């Protein structure tokens, strides 16, 4: 069994833009870029659906929603690892001191 071919985002964008131009048919673009026509249609649809997001104000400034419970768990884990690290440093002192 072979792996599916993965394409880079800039390649997908270039192909989708060519499809949007309408200068060539999807079949022509398919043979030109070596991509199945269904993929070209999907990339074109994705480009049209997500193009408005490029121009939204503050889109780059949006921060991911953070779960307070997750933060609490991570702080507890940091504390636990710090204690374990300190214990190991003290336990290994006889072998590391010169």
N, C-alpha and C. Protein backbone atom coordinates (compact mmCIF):
# COMPACT_ATOMS: atom_id res chain seq x y z
N UNK A 1 0.83 -1.19 0.00
CA UNK A 1 0.00 0.00 0.00
C UNK A 1 0.87 1.25 0.00
N UNK A 2 0.50 2.22 -0.77
CA UNK A 2 1.30 3.45 -0.83
C UNK A 2 0.65 4.55 0.00
N UNK A 3 1.49 5.47 0.45
CA UNK A 3 0.99 6.62 1.19
C UNK A 3 0.34 7.61 0.25
N UNK A 4 -0.57 8.37 0.79
CA UNK A 4 -1.18 9.44 0.00
C UNK A 4 -0.17 10.55 -0.19
N UNK A 5 -0.22 11.15 -1.32
CA UNK A 5 0.69 12.26 -1.60
C UNK A 5 0.20 13.50 -0.87
N UNK A 6 1.11 14.18 -0.24
CA UNK A 6 0.76 15.41 0.47
C UNK A 6 1.36 16.60 -0.27
N UNK A 7 0.57 17.65 -0.38
CA UNK A 7 0.99 18.84 -1.10
C UNK A 7 1.20 19.99 -0.13
N UNK A 8 2.13 20.86 -0.45
CA UNK A 8 2.42 22.01 0.39
C UNK A 8 1.33 23.06 0.19
N UNK A 9 1.07 23.85 1.24
CA UNK A 9 0.01 24.87 1.16
C UNK A 9 0.21 25.87 0.03
N UNK A 10 1.45 26.26 -0.25
CA UNK A 10 1.65 27.24 -1.33
C UNK A 10 1.31 26.64 -2.70
N UNK A 11 1.56 25.34 -2.87
CA UNK A 11 1.18 24.67 -4.11
C UNK A 11 -0.34 24.61 -4.25
N UNK A 12 -1.01 24.26 -3.16
CA UNK A 12 -2.47 24.19 -3.17
C UNK A 12 -3.06 25.56 -3.51
N UNK A 13 -2.50 26.61 -2.91
CA UNK A 13 -3.01 27.96 -3.16
C UNK A 13 -2.81 28.35 -4.62
N UNK A 14 -1.65 28.02 -5.17
CA UNK A 14 -1.37 28.36 -6.57
C UNK A 14 -2.35 27.66 -7.50
N UNK A 15 -2.59 26.37 -7.24
CA UNK A 15 -3.51 25.61 -8.09
C UNK A 15 -4.93 26.16 -7.94
N UNK A 16 -5.35 26.45 -6.71
CA UNK A 16 -6.70 26.97 -6.48
C UNK A 16 -6.89 28.33 -7.15
N UNK A 17 -5.86 29.17 -7.10
CA UNK A 17 -5.96 30.47 -7.76
C UNK A 17 -6.05 30.32 -9.28
N UNK A 18 -5.30 29.38 -9.81
CA UNK A 18 -5.40 29.12 -11.26
C UNK A 18 -6.81 28.66 -11.62
N UNK A 19 -7.40 27.84 -10.75
CA UNK A 19 -8.76 27.36 -11.00
C UNK A 19 -9.76 28.51 -10.92
N UNK A 20 -9.53 29.44 -9.99
CA UNK A 20 -10.43 30.59 -9.85
C UNK A 20 -10.33 31.52 -11.06
N UNK A 21 -9.16 31.62 -11.64
CA UNK A 21 -9.00 32.50 -12.80
C UNK A 21 -9.90 32.06 -13.94
N UNK A 22 -10.07 30.77 -14.10
CA UNK A 22 -10.95 30.24 -15.13
C UNK A 22 -10.37 30.28 -16.53
N UNK A 23 -9.07 30.51 -16.65
CA UNK A 23 -8.44 30.55 -17.97
C UNK A 23 -8.29 29.16 -18.57
N UNK A 24 -8.21 28.15 -17.69
CA UNK A 24 -8.09 26.77 -18.13
C UNK A 24 -9.15 25.94 -17.42
N UNK A 25 -9.52 24.84 -18.03
CA UNK A 25 -10.49 23.95 -17.39
C UNK A 25 -9.80 23.19 -16.26
N UNK A 26 -10.61 22.60 -15.41
CA UNK A 26 -10.07 21.80 -14.31
C UNK A 26 -9.29 20.61 -14.85
N UNK A 27 -9.76 20.04 -15.94
CA UNK A 27 -9.06 18.92 -16.55
C UNK A 27 -7.67 19.34 -17.05
N UNK A 28 -7.59 20.52 -17.63
CA UNK A 28 -6.30 21.02 -18.09
C UNK A 28 -5.36 21.29 -16.92
N UNK A 29 -5.92 21.89 -15.87
CA UNK A 29 -5.10 22.15 -14.68
C UNK A 29 -4.65 20.84 -14.04
N UNK A 30 -5.53 19.85 -14.07
CA UNK A 30 -5.21 18.55 -13.51
C UNK A 30 -4.01 17.93 -14.20
N UNK A 31 -4.00 17.97 -15.51
CA UNK A 31 -2.87 17.39 -16.24
C UNK A 31 -1.63 18.27 -16.12
N UNK A 32 -1.82 19.57 -16.04
CA UNK A 32 -0.68 20.48 -15.92
C UNK A 32 0.05 20.32 -14.58
N UNK A 33 -0.72 20.22 -13.49
CA UNK A 33 -0.12 20.14 -12.16
C UNK A 33 0.00 18.71 -11.64
N UNK A 34 -0.59 17.74 -12.33
CA UNK A 34 -0.51 16.35 -11.89
C UNK A 34 -1.33 16.07 -10.64
N UNK A 35 -2.49 16.71 -10.57
CA UNK A 35 -3.38 16.57 -9.41
C UNK A 35 -4.75 16.12 -9.90
N UNK A 36 -5.42 15.31 -9.10
CA UNK A 36 -6.75 14.85 -9.48
C UNK A 36 -7.72 16.02 -9.50
N UNK A 37 -8.65 16.06 -10.44
CA UNK A 37 -9.60 17.18 -10.53
C UNK A 37 -10.42 17.39 -9.26
N UNK A 38 -10.74 16.31 -8.56
CA UNK A 38 -11.50 16.45 -7.31
C UNK A 38 -10.72 17.27 -6.29
N UNK A 39 -9.40 17.07 -6.24
CA UNK A 39 -8.57 17.83 -5.31
C UNK A 39 -8.60 19.32 -5.66
N UNK A 40 -8.55 19.61 -6.94
CA UNK A 40 -8.59 21.01 -7.37
C UNK A 40 -9.90 21.66 -6.94
N UNK A 41 -11.00 20.94 -7.12
CA UNK A 41 -12.30 21.48 -6.69
C UNK A 41 -12.32 21.71 -5.17
N UNK A 42 -11.77 20.79 -4.41
CA UNK A 42 -11.75 20.93 -2.95
C UNK A 42 -10.90 22.11 -2.53
N UNK A 43 -9.73 22.27 -3.14
CA UNK A 43 -8.85 23.39 -2.80
C UNK A 43 -9.48 24.72 -3.18
N UNK A 44 -10.16 24.76 -4.30
CA UNK A 44 -10.83 25.98 -4.75
C UNK A 44 -11.94 26.35 -3.77
N UNK A 45 -12.71 25.35 -3.35
CA UNK A 45 -13.80 25.57 -2.39
C UNK A 45 -13.24 26.07 -1.06
N UNK A 46 -12.16 25.46 -0.59
CA UNK A 46 -11.54 25.87 0.67
C UNK A 46 -11.02 27.30 0.59
N UNK A 47 -10.44 27.64 -0.55
CA UNK A 47 -9.95 29.01 -0.74
C UNK A 47 -11.08 30.01 -0.68
N UNK A 48 -12.18 29.72 -1.35
CA UNK A 48 -13.32 30.63 -1.36
C UNK A 48 -13.94 30.77 0.03
N UNK A 49 -14.01 29.66 0.77
CA UNK A 49 -14.63 29.69 2.10
C UNK A 49 -13.77 30.42 3.12
N UNK A 50 -12.46 30.34 2.99
CA UNK A 50 -11.57 30.90 4.01
C UNK A 50 -10.91 32.21 3.60
N UNK A 51 -11.19 32.70 2.44
CA UNK A 51 -10.54 33.93 1.97
C UNK A 51 -10.93 35.14 2.83
N UNK A 52 -12.14 35.18 3.32
CA UNK A 52 -12.57 36.33 4.13
C UNK A 52 -11.80 36.43 5.43
N UNK A 53 -11.31 35.31 5.94
CA UNK A 53 -10.56 35.31 7.20
C UNK A 53 -9.25 36.06 7.11
N UNK A 54 -8.72 36.22 5.92
CA UNK A 54 -7.47 36.94 5.75
C UNK A 54 -7.64 38.41 6.09
N UNK A 55 -8.81 38.96 5.81
CA UNK A 55 -9.04 40.38 5.97
C UNK A 55 -9.72 40.76 7.29
N UNK A 56 -9.97 39.80 8.16
CA UNK A 56 -10.60 40.12 9.45
C UNK A 56 -9.61 40.86 10.33
N UNK A 57 -10.13 41.83 11.05
CA UNK A 57 -9.27 42.59 11.95
C UNK A 57 -8.95 41.75 13.18
N UNK A 58 -7.71 41.78 13.57
CA UNK A 58 -7.29 41.10 14.78
C UNK A 58 -7.27 39.59 14.66
N UNK A 59 -7.33 39.06 13.47
CA UNK A 59 -7.32 37.61 13.30
C UNK A 59 -6.02 37.02 13.81
N UNK A 60 -4.93 37.73 13.61
CA UNK A 60 -3.64 37.23 14.05
C UNK A 60 -3.47 37.39 15.55
N UNK A 61 -4.22 38.30 16.14
CA UNK A 61 -4.08 38.57 17.57
C UNK A 61 -4.94 37.66 18.44
N UNK A 62 -5.84 36.91 17.82
CA UNK A 62 -6.71 36.04 18.60
C UNK A 62 -5.88 35.00 19.33
N UNK A 63 -6.16 34.86 20.60
CA UNK A 63 -5.47 33.85 21.38
C UNK A 63 -6.37 32.64 21.54
N UNK A 64 -5.76 31.52 21.65
CA UNK A 64 -6.53 30.29 21.81
C UNK A 64 -7.22 30.30 23.17
N UNK A 65 -8.41 29.76 23.20
CA UNK A 65 -9.14 29.64 24.45
C UNK A 65 -8.39 28.66 25.36
N UNK A 66 -8.13 29.06 26.59
CA UNK A 66 -7.38 28.23 27.51
C UNK A 66 -8.32 27.78 28.62
N UNK A 67 -8.29 26.50 28.88
CA UNK A 67 -9.12 25.92 29.92
C UNK A 67 -8.44 26.12 31.27
N UNK A 68 -9.11 26.81 32.22
CA UNK A 68 -8.49 27.04 33.54
C UNK A 68 -8.14 25.74 34.27
N UNK A 69 -8.94 24.71 34.09
CA UNK A 69 -8.64 23.42 34.72
C UNK A 69 -7.36 22.82 34.17
N UNK A 70 -7.15 22.99 32.87
CA UNK A 70 -5.93 22.48 32.25
C UNK A 70 -4.70 23.21 32.78
N UNK A 71 -4.83 24.53 32.98
CA UNK A 71 -3.72 25.31 33.52
C UNK A 71 -3.39 24.84 34.93
N UNK A 72 -4.42 24.60 35.72
CA UNK A 72 -4.22 24.14 37.10
C UNK A 72 -3.49 22.80 37.11
N UNK A 73 -3.89 21.88 36.23
CA UNK A 73 -3.23 20.58 36.14
C UNK A 73 -1.77 20.73 35.74
N UNK A 74 -1.51 21.62 34.78
CA UNK A 74 -0.13 21.82 34.33
C UNK A 74 0.75 22.43 35.42
N UNK A 75 0.19 23.36 36.20
CA UNK A 75 0.95 23.92 37.31
C UNK A 75 1.26 22.85 38.36
N UNK A 76 0.31 21.99 38.61
CA UNK A 76 0.54 20.90 39.57
C UNK A 76 1.64 19.97 39.07
N UNK A 77 1.64 19.68 37.78
CA UNK A 77 2.66 18.81 37.20
C UNK A 77 4.03 19.47 37.28
N UNK A 78 4.10 20.77 37.02
CA UNK A 78 5.37 21.49 37.13
C UNK A 78 5.91 21.40 38.56
N UNK A 79 5.03 21.60 39.54
CA UNK A 79 5.44 21.49 40.94
C UNK A 79 5.96 20.10 41.27
N UNK A 80 5.26 19.08 40.81
CA UNK A 80 5.68 17.70 41.06
C UNK A 80 7.04 17.43 40.44
N UNK A 81 7.24 17.84 39.21
CA UNK A 81 8.51 17.60 38.53
C UNK A 81 9.65 18.38 39.19
N UNK A 82 9.38 19.57 39.70
CA UNK A 82 10.39 20.35 40.40
C UNK A 82 10.83 19.64 41.67
N UNK A 83 9.88 19.11 42.41
CA UNK A 83 10.21 18.37 43.64
C UNK A 83 11.02 17.13 43.32
N UNK A 84 10.62 16.39 42.29
CA UNK A 84 11.35 15.18 41.90
C UNK A 84 12.77 15.53 41.45
N UNK A 85 12.92 16.61 40.71
CA UNK A 85 14.24 17.03 40.25
C UNK A 85 15.13 17.40 41.43
N UNK A 86 14.59 18.17 42.39
CA UNK A 86 15.37 18.54 43.57
C UNK A 86 15.78 17.31 44.37
N UNK A 87 14.87 16.36 44.51
CA UNK A 87 15.18 15.12 45.23
C UNK A 87 16.33 14.37 44.55
N UNK A 88 16.28 14.25 43.24
CA UNK A 88 17.32 13.53 42.52
C UNK A 88 18.67 14.26 42.58
N UNK A 89 18.64 15.58 42.51
CA UNK A 89 19.89 16.34 42.63
C UNK A 89 20.54 16.07 43.99
N UNK A 90 19.73 16.09 45.05
CA UNK A 90 20.25 15.84 46.40
C UNK A 90 20.71 14.39 46.56
N UNK A 91 19.99 13.46 45.95
CA UNK A 91 20.35 12.05 46.08
C UNK A 91 21.63 11.73 45.32
N UNK A 92 21.92 12.45 44.27
CA UNK A 92 23.11 12.18 43.46
C UNK A 92 24.34 12.99 43.89
N UNK A 93 24.20 13.84 44.91
CA UNK A 93 25.33 14.67 45.34
C UNK A 93 26.55 13.85 45.70
N UNK A 94 26.43 12.73 46.43
CA UNK A 94 27.65 11.98 46.79
C UNK A 94 28.44 11.53 45.57
N UNK A 95 27.81 11.26 44.45
CA UNK A 95 28.51 10.78 43.26
C UNK A 95 28.99 11.91 42.37
N UNK A 96 28.40 13.09 42.49
CA UNK A 96 28.78 14.18 41.61
C UNK A 96 29.76 15.15 42.25
N UNK A 97 29.89 15.13 43.58
CA UNK A 97 30.83 16.02 44.26
C UNK A 97 32.25 15.50 44.11
N UNK A 98 33.18 16.42 44.00
CA UNK A 98 34.59 16.03 43.88
C UNK A 98 35.35 16.42 45.10
